Amino acid sequence: MNKVTLQIPMSKALKTSAEKVASEYGFSSLQEIVRVLLSKLSKRELNVTIQEPDEEVTYLSPAAERRYKKAIEDIKAGRNVTKTESVDELLRLLRSRR
């Protein structure tokens, strides 16, 4: 098999960001995802769609992030956990906390 090297100039920030997303998608490297995309493209099996996101992504503020992490730690440690014996009991408890 004859191999060639494809060089693609890009900013370091773009490369870093793309590597992160490729990893999140399960690819072992940026090179792997480029090979998959080019393979699909060469077989005319690649559909490309460009569209704006439906919703704007919102992130927690730093204070809310700390509260969320603390709440998860408390739940894992068994703190602030209420156990009920039935759905009716749970609903009564939830209604009483309004």
PDB file of N, CA and C in Angstrom:
ATOM      1  N   MET A   1       0.848  -1.177   0.000  1.00  0.00           N
ATOM      2  CA  MET A   1       0.000   0.000   0.000  1.00  0.00           C
ATOM      3  C   MET A   1       0.891   1.236   0.000  1.00  0.00           C
ATOM      4  N   ASN A   2       0.679   2.073  -0.988  1.00  0.00           N
ATOM      5  CA  ASN A   2       1.406   3.344  -1.041  1.00  0.00           C
ATOM      6  C   ASN A   2       0.760   4.316  -0.082  1.00  0.00           C
ATOM      7  N   LYS A   3       1.564   4.962   0.738  1.00  0.00           N
ATOM      8  CA  LYS A   3       1.041   5.930   1.702  1.00  0.00           C
ATOM      9  C   LYS A   3       1.537   7.316   1.359  1.00  0.00           C
ATOM     10  N   VAL A   4       0.703   8.293   1.628  1.00  0.00           N
ATOM     11  CA  VAL A   4       1.079   9.696   1.485  1.00  0.00           C
ATOM     12  C   VAL A   4       0.732  10.399   2.779  1.00  0.00           C
ATOM     13  N   THR A   5       1.347  11.540   2.997  1.00  0.00           N
ATOM     14  CA  THR A   5       1.065  12.339   4.179  1.00  0.00           C
ATOM     15  C   THR A   5       0.317  13.586   3.745  1.00  0.00           C
ATOM     16  N   LEU A   6      -0.798  13.829   4.403  1.00  0.00           N
ATOM     17  CA  LEU A   6      -1.613  15.009   4.129  1.00  0.00           C
ATOM     18  C   LEU A   6      -1.310  16.043   5.205  1.00  0.00           C
ATOM     19  N   GLN A   7      -0.857  17.202   4.800  1.00  0.00           N
ATOM     20  CA  GLN A   7      -0.587  18.266   5.763  1.00  0.00           C
ATOM     21  C   GLN A   7      -1.675  19.314   5.645  1.00  0.00           C
ATOM     22  N   ILE A   8      -2.263  19.662   6.776  1.00  0.00           N
ATOM     23  CA  ILE A   8      -3.353  20.632   6.784  1.00  0.00           C
ATOM     24  C   ILE A   8      -2.997  21.752   7.753  1.00  0.00           C
ATOM     25  N   PRO A   9      -2.646  22.919   7.246  1.00  0.00           N
ATOM     26  CA  PRO A   9      -2.336  24.032   8.145  1.00  0.00           C
ATOM     27  C   PRO A   9      -3.582  24.467   8.913  1.00  0.00           C
ATOM     28  N   MET A  10      -3.427  24.668  10.207  1.00  0.00           N
ATOM     29  CA  MET A  10      -4.525  25.144  11.051  1.00  0.00           C
ATOM     30  C   MET A  10      -3.943  25.739  12.312  1.00  0.00           C
ATOM     31  N   SER A  11      -4.756  26.481  13.022  1.00  0.00           N
ATOM     32  CA  SER A  11      -4.284  27.079  14.272  1.00  0.00           C
ATOM     33  C   SER A  11      -4.160  25.989  15.337  1.00  0.00           C
ATOM     34  N   LYS A  12      -3.322  26.253  16.300  1.00  0.00           N
ATOM     35  CA  LYS A  12      -3.141  25.304  17.393  1.00  0.00           C
ATOM     36  C   LYS A  12      -4.452  25.146  18.173  1.00  0.00           C
ATOM     37  N   ALA A  13      -5.187  26.244  18.331  1.00  0.00           N
ATOM     38  CA  ALA A  13      -6.457  26.196  19.058  1.00  0.00           C
ATOM     39  C   ALA A  13      -7.460  25.291  18.351  1.00  0.00           C
ATOM     40  N   LEU A  14      -7.526  25.388  17.020  1.00  0.00           N
ATOM     41  CA  LEU A  14      -8.441  24.534  16.250  1.00  0.00           C
ATOM     42  C   LEU A  14      -8.059  23.066  16.410  1.00  0.00           C
ATOM     43  N   LYS A  15      -6.774  22.773  16.305  1.00  0.00           N
ATOM     44  CA  LYS A  15      -6.304  21.391  16.440  1.00  0.00           C
ATOM     45  C   LYS A  15      -6.637  20.839  17.817  1.00  0.00           C
ATOM     46  N   THR A  16      -6.382  21.608  18.847  1.00  0.00           N
ATOM     47  CA  THR A  16      -6.658  21.170  20.218  1.00  0.00           C
ATOM     48  C   THR A  16      -8.143  20.922  20.423  1.00  0.00           C
ATOM     49  N   SER A  17      -8.966  21.842  19.948  1.00  0.00           N
ATOM     50  CA  SER A  17     -10.409  21.707  20.080  1.00  0.00           C
ATOM     51  C   SER A  17     -10.925  20.489  19.312  1.00  0.00           C
ATOM     52  N   ALA A  18     -10.434  20.312  18.088  1.00  0.00           N
ATOM     53  CA  ALA A  18     -10.860  19.175  17.265  1.00  0.00           C
ATOM     54  C   ALA A  18     -10.420  17.851  17.883  1.00  0.00           C
ATOM     55  N   GLU A  19      -9.226  17.798  18.463  1.00  0.00           N
ATOM     56  CA  GLU A  19      -8.751  16.573  19.125  1.00  0.00           C
ATOM     57  C   GLU A  19      -9.656  16.209  20.299  1.00  0.00           C
ATOM     58  N   LYS A  20     -10.055  17.208  21.044  1.00  0.00           N
ATOM     59  CA  LYS A  20     -10.924  16.971  22.193  1.00  0.00           C
ATOM     60  C   LYS A  20     -12.270  16.383  21.743  1.00  0.00           C
ATOM     61  N   VAL A  21     -12.862  16.984  20.726  1.00  0.00           N
ATOM     62  CA  VAL A  21     -14.162  16.511  20.237  1.00  0.00           C
ATOM     63  C   VAL A  21     -14.025  15.119  19.622  1.00  0.00           C
ATOM     64  N   ALA A  22     -12.961  14.891  18.856  1.00  0.00           N
ATOM     65  CA  ALA A  22     -12.737  13.570  18.259  1.00  0.00           C
ATOM     66  C   ALA A  22     -12.643  12.504  19.349  1.00  0.00           C
ATOM     67  N   SER A  23     -11.956  12.833  20.427  1.00  0.00           N
ATOM     68  CA  SER A  23     -11.842  11.908  21.559  1.00  0.00           C
ATOM     69  C   SER A  23     -13.203  11.652  22.193  1.00  0.00           C
ATOM     70  N   GLU A  24     -14.002  12.715  22.360  1.00  0.00           N
ATOM     71  CA  GLU A  24     -15.342  12.561  22.930  1.00  0.00           C
ATOM     72  C   GLU A  24     -16.226  11.681  22.037  1.00  0.00           C
ATOM     73  N   TYR A  25     -15.986  11.722  20.730  1.00  0.00           N
ATOM     74  CA  TYR A  25     -16.745  10.896  19.788  1.00  0.00           C
ATOM     75  C   TYR A  25     -16.223   9.468  19.716  1.00  0.00           C
ATOM     76  N   GLY A  26     -15.131   9.185  20.438  1.00  0.00           N
ATOM     77  CA  GLY A  26     -14.615   7.820  20.493  1.00  0.00           C
ATOM     78  C   GLY A  26     -13.470   7.516  19.546  1.00  0.00           C
ATOM     79  N   PHE A  27     -12.948   8.527  18.872  1.00  0.00           N
ATOM     80  CA  PHE A  27     -11.821   8.308  17.979  1.00  0.00           C
ATOM     81  C   PHE A  27     -10.527   8.362  18.783  1.00  0.00           C
ATOM     82  N   SER A  28      -9.549   7.545  18.367  1.00  0.00           N
ATOM     83  CA  SER A  28      -8.287   7.490  19.105  1.00  0.00           C
ATOM     84  C   SER A  28      -7.392   8.684  18.809  1.00  0.00           C
ATOM     85  N   SER A  29      -7.614   9.332  17.676  1.00  0.00           N
ATOM     86  CA  SER A  29      -6.771  10.472  17.313  1.00  0.00           C
ATOM     87  C   SER A  29      -7.491  11.330  16.277  1.00  0.00           C
ATOM     88  N   LEU A  30      -6.962  12.501  16.068  1.00  0.00           N
ATOM     89  CA  LEU A  30      -7.483  13.377  15.035  1.00  0.00           C
ATOM     90  C   LEU A  30      -7.228  12.759  13.656  1.00  0.00           C
ATOM     91  N   GLN A  31      -6.086  12.085  13.511  1.00  0.00           N
ATOM     92  CA  GLN A  31      -5.768  11.425  12.246  1.00  0.00           C
ATOM     93  C   GLN A  31      -6.805  10.356  11.911  1.00  0.00           C
ATOM     94  N   GLU A  32      -7.268   9.633  12.922  1.00  0.00           N
ATOM     95  CA  GLU A  32      -8.250   8.576  12.678  1.00  0.00           C
ATOM     96  C   GLU A  32      -9.553   9.150  12.133  1.00  0.00           C
ATOM     97  N   ILE A  33     -10.041  10.225  12.731  1.00  0.00           N
ATOM     98  CA  ILE A  33     -11.298  10.797  12.249  1.00  0.00           C
ATOM     99  C   ILE A  33     -11.135  11.375  10.847  1.00  0.00           C
ATOM    100  N   VAL A  34      -9.983  11.949  10.529  1.00  0.00           N
ATOM    101  CA  VAL A  34      -9.751  12.463   9.178  1.00  0.00           C
ATOM    102  C   VAL A  34      -9.740  11.298   8.183  1.00  0.00           C
ATOM    103  N   ARG A  35      -9.092  10.186   8.537  1.00  0.00           N
ATOM    104  CA  ARG A  35      -9.090   9.012   7.645  1.00  0.00           C
ATOM    105  C   ARG A  35     -10.501   8.487   7.409  1.00  0.00           C
ATOM    106  N   VAL A  36     -11.316   8.416   8.474  1.00  0.00           N
ATOM    107  CA  VAL A  36     -12.696   7.939   8.339  1.00  0.00           C
ATOM    108  C   VAL A  36     -13.488   8.877   7.430  1.00  0.00           C
ATOM    109  N   LEU A  37     -13.367  10.182   7.667  1.00  0.00           N
ATOM    110  CA  LEU A  37     -14.093  11.145   6.848  1.00  0.00           C
ATOM    111  C   LEU A  37     -13.673  11.079   5.375  1.00  0.00           C
ATOM    112  N   LEU A  38     -12.378  10.990   5.121  1.00  0.00           N
ATOM    113  CA  LEU A  38     -11.907  10.916   3.738  1.00  0.00           C
ATOM    114  C   LEU A  38     -12.326   9.610   3.074  1.00  0.00           C
ATOM    115  N   SER A  39     -12.330   8.531   3.825  1.00  0.00           N
ATOM    116  CA  SER A  39     -12.773   7.240   3.290  1.00  0.00           C
ATOM    117  C   SER A  39     -14.243   7.306   2.881  1.00  0.00           C
ATOM    118  N   LYS A  40     -15.086   7.867   3.763  1.00  0.00           N
ATOM    119  CA  LYS A  40     -16.506   8.016   3.456  1.00  0.00           C
ATOM    120  C   LYS A  40     -16.707   8.967   2.270  1.00  0.00           C
ATOM    121  N   LEU A  41     -15.965  10.058   2.235  1.00  0.00           N
ATOM    122  CA  LEU A  41     -16.069  11.017   1.147  1.00  0.00           C
ATOM    123  C   LEU A  41     -15.712  10.366  -0.191  1.00  0.00           C
ATOM    124  N   SER A  42     -14.644   9.586  -0.206  1.00  0.00           N
ATOM    125  CA  SER A  42     -14.200   8.961  -1.459  1.00  0.00           C
ATOM    126  C   SER A  42     -15.210   7.948  -1.987  1.00  0.00           C
ATOM    127  N   LYS A  43     -16.029   7.386  -1.117  1.00  0.00           N
ATOM    128  CA  LYS A  43     -17.066   6.422  -1.525  1.00  0.00           C
ATOM    129  C   LYS A  43     -18.422   7.092  -1.731  1.00  0.00           C
ATOM    130  N   ARG A  44     -18.443   8.420  -1.618  1.00  0.00           N
ATOM    131  CA  ARG A  44     -19.683   9.199  -1.715  1.00  0.00           C
ATOM    132  C   ARG A  44     -20.706   8.746  -0.666  1.00  0.00           C
ATOM    133  N   GLU A  45     -20.220   8.393   0.501  1.00  0.00           N
ATOM    134  CA  GLU A  45     -21.074   7.957   1.604  1.00  0.00           C
ATOM    135  C   GLU A  45     -21.165   9.016   2.696  1.00  0.00           C
ATOM    136  N   LEU A  46     -20.678  10.202   2.425  1.00  0.00           N
ATOM    137  CA  LEU A  46     -20.628  11.258   3.428  1.00  0.00           C
ATOM    138  C   LEU A  46     -21.652  12.328   3.102  1.00  0.00           C
ATOM    139  N   ASN A  47     -22.551  12.580   4.023  1.00  0.00           N
ATOM    140  CA  ASN A  47     -23.510  13.668   3.890  1.00  0.00           C
ATOM    141  C   ASN A  47     -23.094  14.778   4.837  1.00  0.00           C
ATOM    142  N   VAL A  48     -22.960  15.965   4.311  1.00  0.00           N
ATOM    143  CA  VAL A  48     -22.542  17.101   5.128  1.00  0.00           C
ATOM    144  C   VAL A  48     -23.698  18.081   5.236  1.00  0.00           C
ATOM    145  N   THR A  49     -24.054  18.433   6.468  1.00  0.00           N
ATOM    146  CA  THR A  49     -25.098  19.413   6.714  1.00  0.00           C
ATOM    147  C   THR A  49     -24.547  20.455   7.666  1.00  0.00           C
ATOM    148  N   ILE A  50     -24.752  21.710   7.327  1.00  0.00           N
ATOM    149  CA  ILE A  50     -24.313  22.789   8.203  1.00  0.00           C
ATOM    150  C   ILE A  50     -25.562  23.541   8.636  1.00  0.00           C
ATOM    151  N   GLN A  51     -25.764  23.611   9.950  1.00  0.00           N
ATOM    152  CA  GLN A  51     -26.934  24.319  10.467  1.00  0.00           C
ATOM    153  C   GLN A  51     -26.607  24.922  11.814  1.00  0.00           C
ATOM    154  N   GLU A  52     -27.352  25.914  12.162  1.00  0.00           N
ATOM    155  CA  GLU A  52     -27.200  26.560  13.458  1.00  0.00           C
ATOM    156  C   GLU A  52     -27.820  25.659  14.533  1.00  0.00           C
ATOM    157  N   PRO A  53     -27.284  25.665  15.741  1.00  0.00           N
ATOM    158  CA  PRO A  53     -27.888  24.888  16.823  1.00  0.00           C
ATOM    159  C   PRO A  53     -29.291  25.406  17.125  1.00  0.00           C
ATOM    160  N   ASP A  54     -30.181  24.479  17.505  1.00  0.00           N
ATOM    161  CA  ASP A  54     -31.553  24.852  17.834  1.00  0.00           C
ATOM    162  C   ASP A  54     -31.624  25.702  19.091  1.00  0.00           C
ATOM    163  N   GLU A  55     -30.817  25.351  20.078  1.00  0.00           N
ATOM    164  CA  GLU A  55     -30.847  26.063  21.357  1.00  0.00           C
ATOM    165  C   GLU A  55     -29.457  26.559  21.702  1.00  0.00           C
ATOM    166  N   GLU A  56     -29.443  27.596  22.457  1.00  0.00           N
ATOM    167  CA  GLU A  56     -28.172  28.094  22.953  1.00  0.00           C
ATOM    168  C   GLU A  56     -27.791  27.268  24.175  1.00  0.00           C
ATOM    169  N   VAL A  57     -26.557  26.814  24.221  1.00  0.00           N
ATOM    170  CA  VAL A  57     -26.087  26.018  25.344  1.00  0.00           C
ATOM    171  C   VAL A  57     -25.790  26.949  26.507  1.00  0.00           C
ATOM    172  N   THR A  58     -26.293  26.602  27.675  1.00  0.00           N
ATOM    173  CA  THR A  58     -26.003  27.405  28.856  1.00  0.00           C
ATOM    174  C   THR A  58     -25.192  26.562  29.832  1.00  0.00           C
ATOM    175  N   TYR A  59     -24.306  27.192  30.511  1.00  0.00           N
ATOM    176  CA  TYR A  59     -23.465  26.522  31.483  1.00  0.00           C
ATOM    177  C   TYR A  59     -23.762  27.092  32.863  1.00  0.00           C
ATOM    178  N   LEU A  60     -23.446  26.314  33.866  1.00  0.00           N
ATOM    179  CA  LEU A  60     -23.642  26.775  35.230  1.00  0.00           C
ATOM    180  C   LEU A  60     -22.610  27.847  35.563  1.00  0.00           C
ATOM    181  N   SER A  61     -23.020  28.779  36.403  1.00  0.00           N
ATOM    182  CA  SER A  61     -22.070  29.769  36.899  1.00  0.00           C
ATOM    183  C   SER A  61     -21.111  29.038  37.833  1.00  0.00           C
ATOM    184  N   PRO A  62     -19.957  29.627  38.121  1.00  0.00           N
ATOM    185  CA  PRO A  62     -19.022  28.970  39.037  1.00  0.00           C
ATOM    186  C   PRO A  62     -19.664  28.646  40.394  1.00  0.00           C
ATOM    187  N   ALA A  63     -20.496  29.551  40.921  1.00  0.00           N
ATOM    188  CA  ALA A  63     -21.148  29.302  42.217  1.00  0.00           C
ATOM    189  C   ALA A  63     -22.141  28.142  42.102  1.00  0.00           C
ATOM    190  N   ALA A  64     -22.913  28.117  41.016  1.00  0.00           N
ATOM    191  CA  ALA A  64     -23.877  27.028  40.826  1.00  0.00           C
ATOM    192  C   ALA A  64     -23.155  25.701  40.608  1.00  0.00           C
ATOM    193  N   GLU A  65     -22.031  25.740  39.914  1.00  0.00           N
ATOM    194  CA  GLU A  65     -21.228  24.527  39.698  1.00  0.00           C
ATOM    195  C   GLU A  65     -20.747  23.960  41.037  1.00  0.00           C
ATOM    196  N   ARG A  66     -20.290  24.843  41.939  1.00  0.00           N
ATOM    197  CA  ARG A  66     -19.845  24.385  43.266  1.00  0.00           C
ATOM    198  C   ARG A  66     -21.010  23.776  44.046  1.00  0.00           C
ATOM    199  N   ARG A  67     -22.201  24.410  43.991  1.00  0.00           N
ATOM    200  CA  ARG A  67     -23.379  23.875  44.686  1.00  0.00           C
ATOM    201  C   ARG A  67     -23.770  22.514  44.127  1.00  0.00           C
ATOM    202  N   TYR A  68     -23.719  22.379  42.791  1.00  0.00           N
ATOM    203  CA  TYR A  68     -24.069  21.126  42.145  1.00  0.00           C
ATOM    204  C   TYR A  68     -23.108  20.020  42.575  1.00  0.00           C
ATOM    205  N   LYS A  69     -21.806  20.299  42.544  1.00  0.00           N
ATOM    206  CA  LYS A  69     -20.814  19.293  42.941  1.00  0.00           C
ATOM    207  C   LYS A  69     -20.994  18.901  44.400  1.00  0.00           C
ATOM    208  N   LYS A  70     -21.277  19.882  45.255  1.00  0.00           N
ATOM    209  CA  LYS A  70     -21.510  19.598  46.683  1.00  0.00           C
ATOM    210  C   LYS A  70     -22.737  18.712  46.848  1.00  0.00           C
ATOM    211  N   ALA A  71     -23.806  19.004  46.108  1.00  0.00           N
ATOM    212  CA  ALA A  71     -25.030  18.204  46.199  1.00  0.00           C
ATOM    213  C   ALA A  71     -24.767  16.769  45.764  1.00  0.00           C
ATOM    214  N   ILE A  72     -24.003  16.578  44.700  1.00  0.00           N
ATOM    215  CA  ILE A  72     -23.675  15.229  44.236  1.00  0.00           C
ATOM    216  C   ILE A  72     -22.847  14.490  45.283  1.00  0.00           C
ATOM    217  N   GLU A  73     -21.873  15.178  45.884  1.00  0.00           N
ATOM    218  CA  GLU A  73     -21.066  14.562  46.943  1.00  0.00           C
ATOM    219  C   GLU A  73     -21.951  14.147  48.118  1.00  0.00           C
ATOM    220  N   ASP A  74     -22.889  15.026  48.502  1.00  0.00           N
ATOM    221  CA  ASP A  74     -23.802  14.715  49.607  1.00  0.00           C
ATOM    222  C   ASP A  74     -24.654  13.489  49.285  1.00  0.00           C
ATOM    223  N   ILE A  75     -25.155  13.416  48.080  1.00  0.00           N
ATOM    224  CA  ILE A  75     -25.988  12.278  47.699  1.00  0.00           C
ATOM    225  C   ILE A  75     -25.176  10.994  47.735  1.00  0.00           C
ATOM    226  N   LYS A  76     -23.962  11.027  47.191  1.00  0.00           N
ATOM    227  CA  LYS A  76     -23.107   9.828  47.193  1.00  0.00           C
ATOM    228  C   LYS A  76     -22.745   9.402  48.606  1.00  0.00           C
ATOM    229  N   ALA A  77     -22.634  10.375  49.513  1.00  0.00           N
ATOM    230  CA  ALA A  77     -22.284  10.076  50.902  1.00  0.00           C
ATOM    231  C   ALA A  77     -23.508   9.733  51.748  1.00  0.00           C
ATOM    232  N   GLY A  78     -24.692   9.847  51.142  1.00  0.00           N
ATOM    233  CA  GLY A  78     -25.914   9.513  51.887  1.00  0.00           C
ATOM    234  C   GLY A  78     -26.450  10.656  52.728  1.00  0.00           C
ATOM    235  N   ARG A  79     -25.904  11.855  52.555  1.00  0.00           N
ATOM    236  CA  ARG A  79     -26.404  13.007  53.295  1.00  0.00           C
ATOM    237  C   ARG A  79     -27.532  13.664  52.500  1.00  0.00           C
ATOM    238  N   ASN A  80     -28.450  14.298  53.225  1.00  0.00           N
ATOM    239  CA  ASN A  80     -29.562  15.024  52.600  1.00  0.00           C
ATOM    240  C   ASN A  80     -30.396  14.143  51.678  1.00  0.00           C
ATOM    241  N   VAL A  81     -30.491  12.868  52.015  1.00  0.00           N
ATOM    242  CA  VAL A  81     -31.275  11.933  51.224  1.00  0.00           C
ATOM    243  C   VAL A  81     -32.507  11.559  52.034  1.00  0.00           C
ATOM    244  N   THR A  82     -33.661  11.674  51.415  1.00  0.00           N
ATOM    245  CA  THR A  82     -34.905  11.312  52.083  1.00  0.00           C
ATOM    246  C   THR A  82     -35.448  10.053  51.437  1.00  0.00           C
ATOM    247  N   LYS A  83     -35.746   9.069  52.245  1.00  0.00           N
ATOM    248  CA  LYS A  83     -36.297   7.819  51.727  1.00  0.00           C
ATOM    249  C   LYS A  83     -37.768   7.738  52.100  1.00  0.00           C
ATOM    250  N   THR A  84     -38.563   7.279  51.168  1.00  0.00           N
ATOM    251  CA  THR A  84     -39.990   7.120  51.423  1.00  0.00           C
ATOM    252  C   THR A  84     -40.385   5.681  51.122  1.00  0.00           C
ATOM    253  N   GLU A  85     -41.505   5.282  51.706  1.00  0.00           N
ATOM    254  CA  GLU A  85     -41.979   3.912  51.528  1.00  0.00           C
ATOM    255  C   GLU A  85     -42.941   3.767  50.355  1.00  0.00           C
ATOM    256  N   SER A  86     -43.514   4.890  49.890  1.00  0.00           N
ATOM    257  CA  SER A  86     -44.478   4.796  48.797  1.00  0.00           C
ATOM    258  C   SER A  86     -44.473   6.075  47.977  1.00  0.00           C
ATOM    259  N   VAL A  87     -45.099   5.989  46.827  1.00  0.00           N
ATOM    260  CA  VAL A  87     -45.211   7.155  45.961  1.00  0.00           C
ATOM    261  C   VAL A  87     -46.065   8.224  46.634  1.00  0.00           C
ATOM    262  N   ASP A  88     -47.145   7.797  47.285  1.00  0.00           N
ATOM    263  CA  ASP A  88     -48.008   8.764  47.964  1.00  0.00           C
ATOM    264  C   ASP A  88     -47.239   9.526  49.034  1.00  0.00           C
ATOM    265  N   GLU A  89     -46.415   8.815  49.780  1.00  0.00           N
ATOM    266  CA  GLU A  89     -45.614   9.465  50.819  1.00  0.00           C
ATOM    267  C   GLU A  89     -44.639  10.462  50.193  1.00  0.00           C
ATOM    268  N   LEU A  90     -44.029  10.093  49.085  1.00  0.00           N
ATOM    269  CA  LEU A  90     -43.109  10.985  48.388  1.00  0.00           C
ATOM    270  C   LEU A  90     -43.835  12.240  47.894  1.00  0.00           C
ATOM    271  N   LEU A  91     -45.007  12.066  47.309  1.00  0.00           N
ATOM    272  CA  LEU A  91     -45.771  13.206  46.827  1.00  0.00           C
ATOM    273  C   LEU A  91     -46.185  14.130  47.963  1.00  0.00           C
ATOM    274  N   ARG A  92     -46.617  13.568  49.104  1.00  0.00           N
ATOM    275  CA  ARG A  92     -46.965  14.397  50.270  1.00  0.00           C
ATOM    276  C   ARG A  92     -45.751  15.204  50.723  1.00  0.00           C
ATOM    277  N   LEU A  93     -44.599  14.553  50.759  1.00  0.00           N
ATOM    278  CA  LEU A  93     -43.365  15.222  51.176  1.00  0.00           C
ATOM    279  C   LEU A  93     -43.013  16.358  50.210  1.00  0.00           C
ATOM    280  N   LEU A  94     -43.105  16.098  48.926  1.00  0.00           N
ATOM    281  CA  LEU A  94     -42.780  17.130  47.930  1.00  0.00           C
ATOM    282  C   LEU A  94     -43.744  18.304  48.013  1.00  0.00           C
ATOM    283  N   ARG A  95     -45.010  18.024  48.207  1.00  0.00           N
ATOM    284  CA  ARG A  95     -46.015  19.102  48.289  1.00  0.00           C
ATOM    285  C   ARG A  95     -45.821  19.938  49.558  1.00  0.00           C
ATOM    286  N   SER A  96     -45.337  19.330  50.610  1.00  0.00           N
ATOM    287  CA  SER A  96     -45.145  20.056  51.860  1.00  0.00           C
ATOM    288  C   SER A  96     -43.946  20.998  51.819  1.00  0.00           C
ATOM    289  N   ARG A  97     -43.074  20.817  50.841  1.00  0.00           N
ATOM    290  CA  ARG A  97     -41.851  21.637  50.731  1.00  0.00           C
ATOM    291  C   ARG A  97     -41.988  22.799  49.766  1.00  0.00           C
ATOM    292  N   ARG A  98     -43.174  23.121  49.354  1.00  0.00           N
ATOM    293  CA  ARG A  98     -43.364  24.230  48.391  1.00  0.00           C
ATOM    294  C   ARG A  98     -43.068  25.540  49.015  1.00  0.00           C
TER     295      ARG A  98
END
